[in-house]
PDB file of N, CA and C in Angstrom:
ATOM      1  N   MET A   1     -75.133 -75.924 -89.875  1.00  0.00           N
ATOM      2  CA  MET A   1     -74.180 -75.491 -90.893  1.00  0.00           C
ATOM      3  C   MET A   1     -72.871 -76.258 -90.702  1.00  0.00           C
ATOM      4  N   SER A   2     -72.331 -76.787 -91.762  1.00  0.00           N
ATOM      5  CA  SER A   2     -71.092 -77.553 -91.674  1.00  0.00           C
ATOM      6  C   SER A   2     -69.871 -76.629 -91.652  1.00  0.00           C
ATOM      7  N   LYS A   3     -68.778 -77.153 -91.092  1.00  0.00           N
ATOM      8  CA  LYS A   3     -67.533 -76.400 -91.007  1.00  0.00           C
ATOM      9  C   LYS A   3     -66.970 -76.151 -92.405  1.00  0.00           C
ATOM     10  N   LYS A   4     -66.476 -74.958 -92.638  1.00  0.00           N
ATOM     11  CA  LYS A   4     -65.831 -74.613 -93.898  1.00  0.00           C
ATOM     12  C   LYS A   4     -64.373 -75.025 -93.811  1.00  0.00           C
ATOM     13  N   ARG A   5     -64.002 -76.010 -94.606  1.00  0.00           N
ATOM     14  CA  ARG A   5     -62.635 -76.533 -94.550  1.00  0.00           C
ATOM     15  C   ARG A   5     -61.614 -75.505 -95.015  1.00  0.00           C
ATOM     16  N   ILE A   6     -60.425 -75.593 -94.409  1.00  0.00           N
ATOM     17  CA  ILE A   6     -59.303 -74.717 -94.761  1.00  0.00           C
ATOM     18  C   ILE A   6     -58.148 -75.602 -95.210  1.00  0.00           C
ATOM     19  N   VAL A   7     -57.564 -75.250 -96.350  1.00  0.00           N
ATOM     20  CA  VAL A   7     -56.467 -76.030 -96.930  1.00  0.00           C
ATOM     21  C   VAL A   7     -55.227 -75.145 -97.058  1.00  0.00           C
ATOM     22  N   LEU A   8     -54.089 -75.703 -96.673  1.00  0.00           N
ATOM     23  CA  LEU A   8     -52.782 -75.079 -96.862  1.00  0.00           C
ATOM     24  C   LEU A   8     -52.184 -75.720 -98.108  1.00  0.00           C
ATOM     25  N   GLY A   9     -51.912 -74.926 -99.133  1.00  0.00           N
ATOM     26  CA  GLY A   9     -51.340 -75.433-100.374  1.00  0.00           C
ATOM     27  C   GLY A   9     -49.888 -75.010-100.511  1.00  0.00           C
ATOM     28  N   ILE A  10     -49.040 -75.954-100.909  1.00  0.00           N
ATOM     29  CA  ILE A  10     -47.613 -75.680-101.082  1.00  0.00           C
ATOM     30  C   ILE A  10     -47.195 -76.091-102.481  1.00  0.00           C
ATOM     31  N   GLU A  11     -46.539 -75.185-103.203  1.00  0.00           N
ATOM     32  CA  GLU A  11     -46.048 -75.471-104.562  1.00  0.00           C
ATOM     33  C   GLU A  11     -44.559 -75.166-104.569  1.00  0.00           C
ATOM     34  N   SER A  12     -43.755 -76.158-104.948  1.00  0.00           N
ATOM     35  CA  SER A  12     -42.304 -75.952-104.959  1.00  0.00           C
ATOM     36  C   SER A  12     -41.643 -76.806-106.032  1.00  0.00           C
ATOM     37  N   SER A  13     -42.216 -76.816-107.214  1.00  0.00           N
ATOM     38  CA  SER A  13     -41.724 -77.748-108.227  1.00  0.00           C
ATOM     39  C   SER A  13     -40.627 -77.210-109.136  1.00  0.00           C
ATOM     40  N   CYS A  14     -40.457 -75.923-109.218  1.00  0.00           N
ATOM     41  CA  CYS A  14     -39.449 -75.404-110.148  1.00  0.00           C
ATOM     42  C   CYS A  14     -38.714 -74.237-109.503  1.00  0.00           C
ATOM     43  N   ASP A  15     -38.899 -73.042-110.035  1.00  0.00           N
ATOM     44  CA  ASP A  15     -38.112 -71.904-109.553  1.00  0.00           C
ATOM     45  C   ASP A  15     -38.910 -70.910-108.716  1.00  0.00           C
ATOM     46  N   GLU A  16     -40.051 -71.327-108.183  1.00  0.00           N
ATOM     47  CA  GLU A  16     -40.802 -70.509-107.248  1.00  0.00           C
ATOM     48  C   GLU A  16     -41.287 -71.398-106.118  1.00  0.00           C
ATOM     49  N   THR A  17     -41.382 -70.814-104.941  1.00  0.00           N
ATOM     50  CA  THR A  17     -41.983 -71.496-103.810  1.00  0.00           C
ATOM     51  C   THR A  17     -43.219 -70.696-103.450  1.00  0.00           C
ATOM     52  N   SER A  18     -44.374 -71.351-103.413  1.00  0.00           N
ATOM     53  CA  SER A  18     -45.631 -70.662-103.129  1.00  0.00           C
ATOM     54  C   SER A  18     -46.387 -71.380-102.022  1.00  0.00           C
ATOM     55  N   VAL A  19     -47.041 -70.584-101.193  1.00  0.00           N
ATOM     56  CA  VAL A  19     -47.902 -71.121-100.140  1.00  0.00           C
ATOM     57  C   VAL A  19     -49.205 -70.338-100.174  1.00  0.00           C
ATOM     58  N   SER A  20     -50.315 -71.067-100.177  1.00  0.00           N
ATOM     59  CA  SER A  20     -51.633 -70.445-100.176  1.00  0.00           C
ATOM     60  C   SER A  20     -52.493 -71.056 -99.082  1.00  0.00           C
ATOM     61  N   ILE A  21     -53.417 -70.242 -98.588  1.00  0.00           N
ATOM     62  CA  ILE A  21     -54.439 -70.712 -97.663  1.00  0.00           C
ATOM     63  C   ILE A  21     -55.775 -70.472 -98.355  1.00  0.00           C
ATOM     64  N   VAL A  22     -56.555 -71.543 -98.486  1.00  0.00           N
ATOM     65  CA  VAL A  22     -57.843 -71.464 -99.181  1.00  0.00           C
ATOM     66  C   VAL A  22     -58.931 -71.985 -98.245  1.00  0.00           C
ATOM     67  N   ARG A  23     -60.052 -71.257 -98.185  1.00  0.00           N
ATOM     68  CA  ARG A  23     -61.182 -71.684 -97.360  1.00  0.00           C
ATOM     69  C   ARG A  23     -62.373 -72.009 -98.260  1.00  0.00           C
ATOM     70  N   GLU A  24     -63.013 -73.103 -97.966  1.00  0.00           N
ATOM     71  CA  GLU A  24     -64.214 -73.514 -98.676  1.00  0.00           C
ATOM     72  C   GLU A  24     -65.349 -72.539 -98.335  1.00  0.00           C
ATOM     73  N   LYS A  25     -66.019 -72.032 -99.376  1.00  0.00           N
ATOM     74  CA  LYS A  25     -67.192 -71.188 -99.159  1.00  0.00           C
ATOM     75  C   LYS A  25     -68.463 -72.017 -99.306  1.00  0.00           C
ATOM     76  N   SER A  26     -68.441 -72.905-100.284  1.00  0.00           N
ATOM     77  CA  SER A  26     -69.539 -73.838-100.528  1.00  0.00           C
ATOM     78  C   SER A  26     -68.932 -75.049-101.224  1.00  0.00           C
ATOM     79  N   SER A  27     -69.756 -76.011-101.587  1.00  0.00           N
ATOM     80  CA  SER A  27     -69.213 -77.208-102.237  1.00  0.00           C
ATOM     81  C   SER A  27     -68.605 -76.906-103.599  1.00  0.00           C
ATOM     82  N   SER A  28     -68.910 -75.749-104.165  1.00  0.00           N
ATOM     83  CA  SER A  28     -68.363 -75.420-105.487  1.00  0.00           C
ATOM     84  C   SER A  28     -67.634 -74.081-105.528  1.00  0.00           C
ATOM     85  N   ASP A  29     -67.336 -73.506-104.370  1.00  0.00           N
ATOM     86  CA  ASP A  29     -66.693 -72.191-104.353  1.00  0.00           C
ATOM     87  C   ASP A  29     -65.683 -72.121-103.205  1.00  0.00           C
ATOM     88  N   GLN A  30     -64.561 -71.461-103.459  1.00  0.00           N
ATOM     89  CA  GLN A  30     -63.513 -71.296-102.466  1.00  0.00           C
ATOM     90  C   GLN A  30     -63.102 -69.836-102.393  1.00  0.00           C
ATOM     91  N   GLU A  31     -62.449 -69.506-101.285  1.00  0.00           N
ATOM     92  CA  GLU A  31     -61.939 -68.155-101.075  1.00  0.00           C
ATOM     93  C   GLU A  31     -60.450 -68.246-100.761  1.00  0.00           C
ATOM     94  N   ILE A  32     -59.628 -67.507-101.497  1.00  0.00           N
ATOM     95  CA  ILE A  32     -58.187 -67.471-101.235  1.00  0.00           C
ATOM     96  C   ILE A  32     -57.946 -66.473-100.108  1.00  0.00           C
ATOM     97  N   LEU A  33     -57.465 -66.984 -98.984  1.00  0.00           N
ATOM     98  CA  LEU A  33     -57.196 -66.124 -97.833  1.00  0.00           C
ATOM     99  C   LEU A  33     -55.807 -65.519 -97.897  1.00  0.00           C
ATOM    100  N   SER A  34     -54.869 -66.236 -98.506  1.00  0.00           N
ATOM    101  CA  SER A  34     -53.519 -65.705 -98.696  1.00  0.00           C
ATOM    102  C   SER A  34     -52.818 -66.489 -99.793  1.00  0.00           C
ATOM    103  N   ASN A  35     -51.864 -65.829-100.425  1.00  0.00           N
ATOM    104  CA  ASN A  35     -51.043 -66.454-101.470  1.00  0.00           C
ATOM    105  C   ASN A  35     -49.687 -65.757-101.455  1.00  0.00           C
ATOM    106  N   ILE A  36     -48.682 -66.470-100.992  1.00  0.00           N
ATOM    107  CA  ILE A  36     -47.340 -65.912-100.859  1.00  0.00           C
ATOM    108  C   ILE A  36     -46.426 -66.632-101.860  1.00  0.00           C
ATOM    109  N   VAL A  37     -45.681 -65.854-102.644  1.00  0.00           N
ATOM    110  CA  VAL A  37     -44.800 -66.428-103.670  1.00  0.00           C
ATOM    111  C   VAL A  37     -43.381 -65.909-103.466  1.00  0.00           C
ATOM    112  N   ASN A  38     -42.428 -66.825-103.475  1.00  0.00           N
ATOM    113  CA  ASN A  38     -41.015 -66.469-103.440  1.00  0.00           C
ATOM    114  C   ASN A  38     -40.398 -66.908-104.766  1.00  0.00           C
ATOM    115  N   SER A  39     -39.952 -65.944-105.551  1.00  0.00           N
ATOM    116  CA  SER A  39     -39.362 -66.246-106.856  1.00  0.00           C
ATOM    117  C   SER A  39     -37.861 -66.472-106.746  1.00  0.00           C
ATOM    118  N   GLN A  40     -37.366 -67.400-107.540  1.00  0.00           N
ATOM    119  CA  GLN A  40     -35.930 -67.673-107.603  1.00  0.00           C
ATOM    120  C   GLN A  40     -35.316 -67.146-108.900  1.00  0.00           C
ATOM    121  N   THR A  41     -36.017 -66.307-109.611  1.00  0.00           N
ATOM    122  CA  THR A  41     -35.553 -65.819-110.909  1.00  0.00           C
ATOM    123  C   THR A  41     -34.134 -65.271-110.843  1.00  0.00           C
ATOM    124  N   LYS A  42     -33.875 -64.398-109.896  1.00  0.00           N
ATOM    125  CA  LYS A  42     -32.536 -63.787-109.780  1.00  0.00           C
ATOM    126  C   LYS A  42     -31.464 -64.844-109.479  1.00  0.00           C
ATOM    127  N   LEU A  43     -31.834 -65.839-108.686  1.00  0.00           N
ATOM    128  CA  LEU A  43     -30.911 -66.896-108.309  1.00  0.00           C
ATOM    129  C   LEU A  43     -30.423 -67.690-109.521  1.00  0.00           C
ATOM    130  N   HIS A  44     -31.300 -67.892-110.495  1.00  0.00           N
ATOM    131  CA  HIS A  44     -30.982 -68.722-111.658  1.00  0.00           C
ATOM    132  C   HIS A  44     -30.561 -67.924-112.898  1.00  0.00           C
ATOM    133  N   GLU A  45     -30.627 -66.597-112.816  1.00  0.00           N
ATOM    134  CA  GLU A  45     -30.271 -65.754-113.967  1.00  0.00           C
ATOM    135  C   GLU A  45     -28.853 -66.022-114.473  1.00  0.00           C
ATOM    136  N   LYS A  46     -27.928 -66.123-113.568  1.00  0.00           N
ATOM    137  CA  LYS A  46     -26.516 -66.283-113.935  1.00  0.00           C
ATOM    138  C   LYS A  46     -26.268 -67.524-114.786  1.00  0.00           C
ATOM    139  N   SER A  47     -26.987 -68.612-114.481  1.00  0.00           N
ATOM    140  CA  SER A  47     -26.773 -69.875-115.200  1.00  0.00           C
ATOM    141  C   SER A  47     -27.628 -69.988-116.460  1.00  0.00           C
ATOM    142  N   GLY A  48     -28.569 -69.072-116.649  1.00  0.00           N
ATOM    143  CA  GLY A  48     -29.411 -69.099-117.845  1.00  0.00           C
ATOM    144  C   GLY A  48     -30.530 -70.122-117.785  1.00  0.00           C
ATOM    145  N   GLY A  49     -30.743 -70.726-116.625  1.00  0.00           N
ATOM    146  CA  GLY A  49     -31.815 -71.703-116.452  1.00  0.00           C
ATOM    147  C   GLY A  49     -31.814 -72.245-115.042  1.00  0.00           C
ATOM    148  N   VAL A  50     -32.862 -72.985-114.731  1.00  0.00           N
ATOM    149  CA  VAL A  50     -33.017 -73.527-113.386  1.00  0.00           C
ATOM    150  C   VAL A  50     -32.068 -74.705-113.172  1.00  0.00           C
ATOM    151  N   ILE A  51     -31.346 -74.662-112.083  1.00  0.00           N
ATOM    152  CA  ILE A  51     -30.485 -75.770-111.667  1.00  0.00           C
ATOM    153  C   ILE A  51     -31.211 -76.461-110.514  1.00  0.00           C
ATOM    154  N   PRO A  52     -31.677 -77.696-110.733  1.00  0.00           N
ATOM    155  CA  PRO A  52     -32.526 -78.366-109.735  1.00  0.00           C
ATOM    156  C   PRO A  52     -31.972 -78.396-108.315  1.00  0.00           C
ATOM    157  N   GLU A  53     -30.709 -78.672-108.133  1.00  0.00           N
ATOM    158  CA  GLU A  53     -30.139 -78.737-106.786  1.00  0.00           C
ATOM    159  C   GLU A  53     -30.206 -77.384-106.081  1.00  0.00           C
ATOM    160  N   ILE A  54     -29.914 -76.320-106.804  1.00  0.00           N
ATOM    161  CA  ILE A  54     -29.982 -74.969-106.228  1.00  0.00           C
ATOM    162  C   ILE A  54     -31.431 -74.613-105.919  1.00  0.00           C
ATOM    163  N   ALA A  55     -32.337 -74.959-106.827  1.00  0.00           N
ATOM    164  CA  ALA A  55     -33.766 -74.685-106.620  1.00  0.00           C
ATOM    165  C   ALA A  55     -34.277 -75.408-105.375  1.00  0.00           C
ATOM    166  N   ALA A  56     -33.940 -76.685-105.230  1.00  0.00           N
ATOM    167  CA  ALA A  56     -34.396 -77.474-104.080  1.00  0.00           C
ATOM    168  C   ALA A  56     -33.884 -76.884-102.770  1.00  0.00           C
ATOM    169  N   ARG A  57     -32.646 -76.481-102.762  1.00  0.00           N
ATOM    170  CA  ARG A  57     -32.058 -75.876-101.562  1.00  0.00           C
ATOM    171  C   ARG A  57     -32.784 -74.582-101.209  1.00  0.00           C
ATOM    172  N   SER A  58     -33.090 -73.789-102.216  1.00  0.00           N
ATOM    173  CA  SER A  58     -33.789 -72.533-101.982  1.00  0.00           C
ATOM    174  C   SER A  58     -35.192 -72.772-101.421  1.00  0.00           C
ATOM    175  N   HIS A  59     -35.902 -73.773-101.966  1.00  0.00           N
ATOM    176  CA  HIS A  59     -37.239 -74.101-101.442  1.00  0.00           C
ATOM    177  C   HIS A  59     -37.156 -74.401 -99.947  1.00  0.00           C
ATOM    178  N   SER A  60     -36.196 -75.233 -99.577  1.00  0.00           N
ATOM    179  CA  SER A  60     -36.105 -75.668 -98.176  1.00  0.00           C
ATOM    180  C   SER A  60     -35.711 -74.539 -97.229  1.00  0.00           C
ATOM    181  N   THR A  61     -35.029 -73.521 -97.732  1.00  0.00           N
ATOM    182  CA  THR A  61     -34.621 -72.419 -96.853  1.00  0.00           C
ATOM    183  C   THR A  61     -35.726 -71.382 -96.639  1.00  0.00           C
ATOM    184  N   VAL A  62     -36.734 -71.335 -97.517  1.00  0.00           N
ATOM    185  CA  VAL A  62     -37.778 -70.309 -97.386  1.00  0.00           C
ATOM    186  C   VAL A  62     -39.149 -70.848 -96.993  1.00  0.00           C
ATOM    187  N   ILE A  63     -39.361 -72.159 -97.051  1.00  0.00           N
ATOM    188  CA  ILE A  63     -40.707 -72.701 -96.885  1.00  0.00           C
ATOM    189  C   ILE A  63     -41.314 -72.385 -95.521  1.00  0.00           C
ATOM    190  N   ASP A  64     -40.553 -72.512 -94.439  1.00  0.00           N
ATOM    191  CA  ASP A  64     -41.095 -72.219 -93.106  1.00  0.00           C
ATOM    192  C   ASP A  64     -41.569 -70.770 -93.005  1.00  0.00           C
ATOM    193  N   ARG A  65     -40.733 -69.862 -93.490  1.00  0.00           N
ATOM    194  CA  ARG A  65     -41.085 -68.427 -93.442  1.00  0.00           C
ATOM    195  C   ARG A  65     -42.345 -68.143 -94.257  1.00  0.00           C
ATOM    196  N   LEU A  66     -42.460 -68.753 -95.437  1.00  0.00           N
ATOM    197  CA  LEU A  66     -43.626 -68.523 -96.290  1.00  0.00           C
ATOM    198  C   LEU A  66     -44.906 -69.060 -95.652  1.00  0.00           C
ATOM    199  N   ILE A  67     -44.815 -70.220 -95.013  1.00  0.00           N
ATOM    200  CA  ILE A  67     -45.991 -70.777 -94.335  1.00  0.00           C
ATOM    201  C   ILE A  67     -46.432 -69.839 -93.209  1.00  0.00           C
ATOM    202  N   LYS A  68     -45.490 -69.348 -92.416  1.00  0.00           N
ATOM    203  CA  LYS A  68     -45.828 -68.411 -91.340  1.00  0.00           C
ATOM    204  C   LYS A  68     -46.469 -67.140 -91.896  1.00  0.00           C
ATOM    205  N   GLN A  69     -45.916 -66.610 -93.001  1.00  0.00           N
ATOM    206  CA  GLN A  69     -46.482 -65.408 -93.616  1.00  0.00           C
ATOM    207  C   GLN A  69     -47.903 -65.661 -94.125  1.00  0.00           C
ATOM    208  N   ALA A  70     -48.117 -66.806 -94.753  1.00  0.00           N
ATOM    209  CA  ALA A  70     -49.443 -67.134 -95.293  1.00  0.00           C
ATOM    210  C   ALA A  70     -50.470 -67.266 -94.175  1.00  0.00           C
ATOM    211  N   LEU A  71     -50.096 -67.935 -93.086  1.00  0.00           N
ATOM    212  CA  LEU A  71     -51.009 -68.076 -91.950  1.00  0.00           C
ATOM    213  C   LEU A  71     -51.322 -66.711 -91.338  1.00  0.00           C
ATOM    214  N   THR A  72     -50.311 -65.869 -91.186  1.00  0.00           N
ATOM    215  CA  THR A  72     -50.518 -64.523 -90.627  1.00  0.00           C
ATOM    216  C   THR A  72     -51.443 -63.704 -91.511  1.00  0.00           C
ATOM    217  N   LYS A  73     -51.174 -63.712 -92.810  1.00  0.00           N
ATOM    218  CA  LYS A  73     -52.010 -62.941 -93.742  1.00  0.00           C
ATOM    219  C   LYS A  73     -53.454 -63.446 -93.749  1.00  0.00           C
ATOM    220  N   ALA A  74     -53.628 -64.761 -93.622  1.00  0.00           N
ATOM    221  CA  ALA A  74     -54.968 -65.351 -93.618  1.00  0.00           C
ATOM    222  C   ALA A  74     -55.663 -65.184 -92.263  1.00  0.00           C
ATOM    223  N   LYS A  75     -54.898 -64.766 -91.264  1.00  0.00           N
ATOM    224  CA  LYS A  75     -55.412 -64.577 -89.901  1.00  0.00           C
ATOM    225  C   LYS A  75     -55.947 -65.876 -89.315  1.00  0.00           C
ATOM    226  N   ILE A  76     -55.165 -66.935 -89.518  1.00  0.00           N
ATOM    227  CA  ILE A  76     -55.519 -68.224 -88.920  1.00  0.00           C
ATOM    228  C   ILE A  76     -54.274 -68.836 -88.277  1.00  0.00           C
ATOM    229  N   LYS A  77     -54.494 -69.839 -87.460  1.00  0.00           N
ATOM    230  CA  LYS A  77     -53.400 -70.586 -86.830  1.00  0.00           C
ATOM    231  C   LYS A  77     -53.283 -71.945 -87.522  1.00  0.00           C
ATOM    232  N   LEU A  78     -52.113 -72.544 -87.436  1.00  0.00           N
ATOM    233  CA  LEU A  78     -51.864 -73.821 -88.101  1.00  0.00           C
ATOM    234  C   LEU A  78     -52.869 -74.896 -87.670  1.00  0.00           C
ATOM    235  N   ASN A  79     -53.278 -74.884 -86.410  1.00  0.00           N
ATOM    236  CA  ASN A  79     -54.213 -75.910 -85.946  1.00  0.00           C
ATOM    237  C   ASN A  79     -55.628 -75.748 -86.519  1.00  0.00           C
ATOM    238  N   GLN A  80     -55.873 -74.669 -87.247  1.00  0.00           N
ATOM    239  CA  GLN A  80     -57.160 -74.477 -87.915  1.00  0.00           C
ATOM    240  C   GLN A  80     -57.163 -75.077 -89.324  1.00  0.00           C
ATOM    241  N   VAL A  81     -56.004 -75.474 -89.809  1.00  0.00           N
ATOM    242  CA  VAL A  81     -55.886 -76.055 -91.152  1.00  0.00           C
ATOM    243  C   VAL A  81     -56.397 -77.492 -91.119  1.00  0.00           C
ATOM    244  N   ASP A  82     -57.280 -77.824 -92.068  1.00  0.00           N
ATOM    245  CA  ASP A  82     -57.877 -79.157 -92.138  1.00  0.00           C
ATOM    246  C   ASP A  82     -57.115 -80.109 -93.050  1.00  0.00           C
ATOM    247  N   ALA A  83     -56.401 -79.563 -94.022  1.00  0.00           N
ATOM    248  CA  ALA A  83     -55.682 -80.415 -94.977  1.00  0.00           C
ATOM    249  C   ALA A  83     -54.505 -79.645 -95.559  1.00  0.00           C
ATOM    250  N   VAL A  84     -53.525 -80.416 -96.030  1.00  0.00           N
ATOM    251  CA  VAL A  84     -52.357 -79.841 -96.699  1.00  0.00           C
ATOM    252  C   VAL A  84     -52.269 -80.459 -98.084  1.00  0.00           C
ATOM    253  N   ALA A  85     -52.117 -79.613 -99.096  1.00  0.00           N
ATOM    254  CA  ALA A  85     -51.928 -80.075-100.471  1.00  0.00           C
ATOM    255  C   ALA A  85     -50.552 -79.610-100.919  1.00  0.00           C
ATOM    256  N   ALA A  86     -49.811 -80.497-101.570  1.00  0.00           N
ATOM    257  CA  ALA A  86     -48.450 -80.147-101.987  1.00  0.00           C
ATOM    258  C   ALA A  86     -48.171 -80.652-103.386  1.00  0.00           C
ATOM    259  N   THR A  87     -47.245 -80.005-104.047  1.00  0.00           N
ATOM    260  CA  THR A  87     -46.806 -80.412-105.371  1.00  0.00           C
ATOM    261  C   THR A  87     -46.200 -81.801-105.326  1.00  0.00           C
ATOM    262  N   ALA A  88     -46.537 -82.593-106.301  1.00  0.00           N
ATOM    263  CA  ALA A  88     -45.892 -83.899-106.466  1.00  0.00           C
ATOM    264  C   ALA A  88     -45.503 -84.016-107.932  1.00  0.00           C
ATOM    265  N   VAL A  89     -44.235 -84.137-108.180  1.00  0.00           N
ATOM    266  CA  VAL A  89     -43.756 -84.240-109.554  1.00  0.00           C
ATOM    267  C   VAL A  89     -43.619 -85.719-109.893  1.00  0.00           C
ATOM    268  N   PHE A  90     -44.325 -86.133-110.908  1.00  0.00           N
ATOM    269  CA  PHE A  90     -44.304 -87.526-111.343  1.00  0.00           C
ATOM    270  C   PHE A  90     -43.314 -87.673-112.484  1.00  0.00           C
ATOM    271  N   ASN A  91     -42.391 -88.611-112.333  1.00  0.00           N
ATOM    272  CA  ASN A  91     -41.414 -88.884-113.377  1.00  0.00           C
ATOM    273  C   ASN A  91     -41.600 -90.315-113.814  1.00  0.00           C
ATOM    274  N   PRO A  92     -42.276 -90.548-114.965  1.00  0.00           N
ATOM    275  CA  PRO A  92     -42.544 -91.924-115.394  1.00  0.00           C
ATOM    276  C   PRO A  92     -41.282 -92.726-115.666  1.00  0.00           C
ATOM    277  N   GLU A  93     -40.167 -92.080-115.957  1.00  0.00           N
ATOM    278  CA  GLU A  93     -38.909 -92.794-116.215  1.00  0.00           C
ATOM    279  C   GLU A  93     -38.404 -93.493-114.955  1.00  0.00           C
ATOM    280  N   LYS A  94     -38.659 -92.907-113.791  1.00  0.00           N
ATOM    281  CA  LYS A  94     -38.229 -93.523-112.541  1.00  0.00           C
ATOM    282  C   LYS A  94     -39.094 -94.714-112.170  1.00  0.00           C
ATOM    283  N   GLU A  95     -40.285 -94.808-112.739  1.00  0.00           N
ATOM    284  CA  GLU A  95     -41.196 -95.906-112.426  1.00  0.00           C
ATOM    285  C   GLU A  95     -40.853 -97.186-113.186  1.00  0.00           C
ATOM    286  N   LYS A  96     -39.992 -97.122-114.174  1.00  0.00           N
ATOM    287  CA  LYS A  96     -39.668 -98.292-114.991  1.00  0.00           C
ATOM    288  C   LYS A  96     -38.711 -99.225-114.303  1.00  0.00           C
TER     289      LYS A  96
END
């Protein structure tokens, strides 16, 4: 029997920071072991929209805590993670 891969997923592209731990069940099925979300809604309410600099700062202040919470909830250690997937925002205007 082959090892069931475990992936740590990180999403931090806008006004939420999310961390999930997903384990492969089969080649076509996965199991979500944990999903932790930190919303910035209250932080951006005053301005009426997301301010990128404030959002980025907020992501960086909570990401470590969210990863620890996700690992704890999933009942795994970081060294058991086989891969990390993260948000990548593509801006075609910067490529010109």
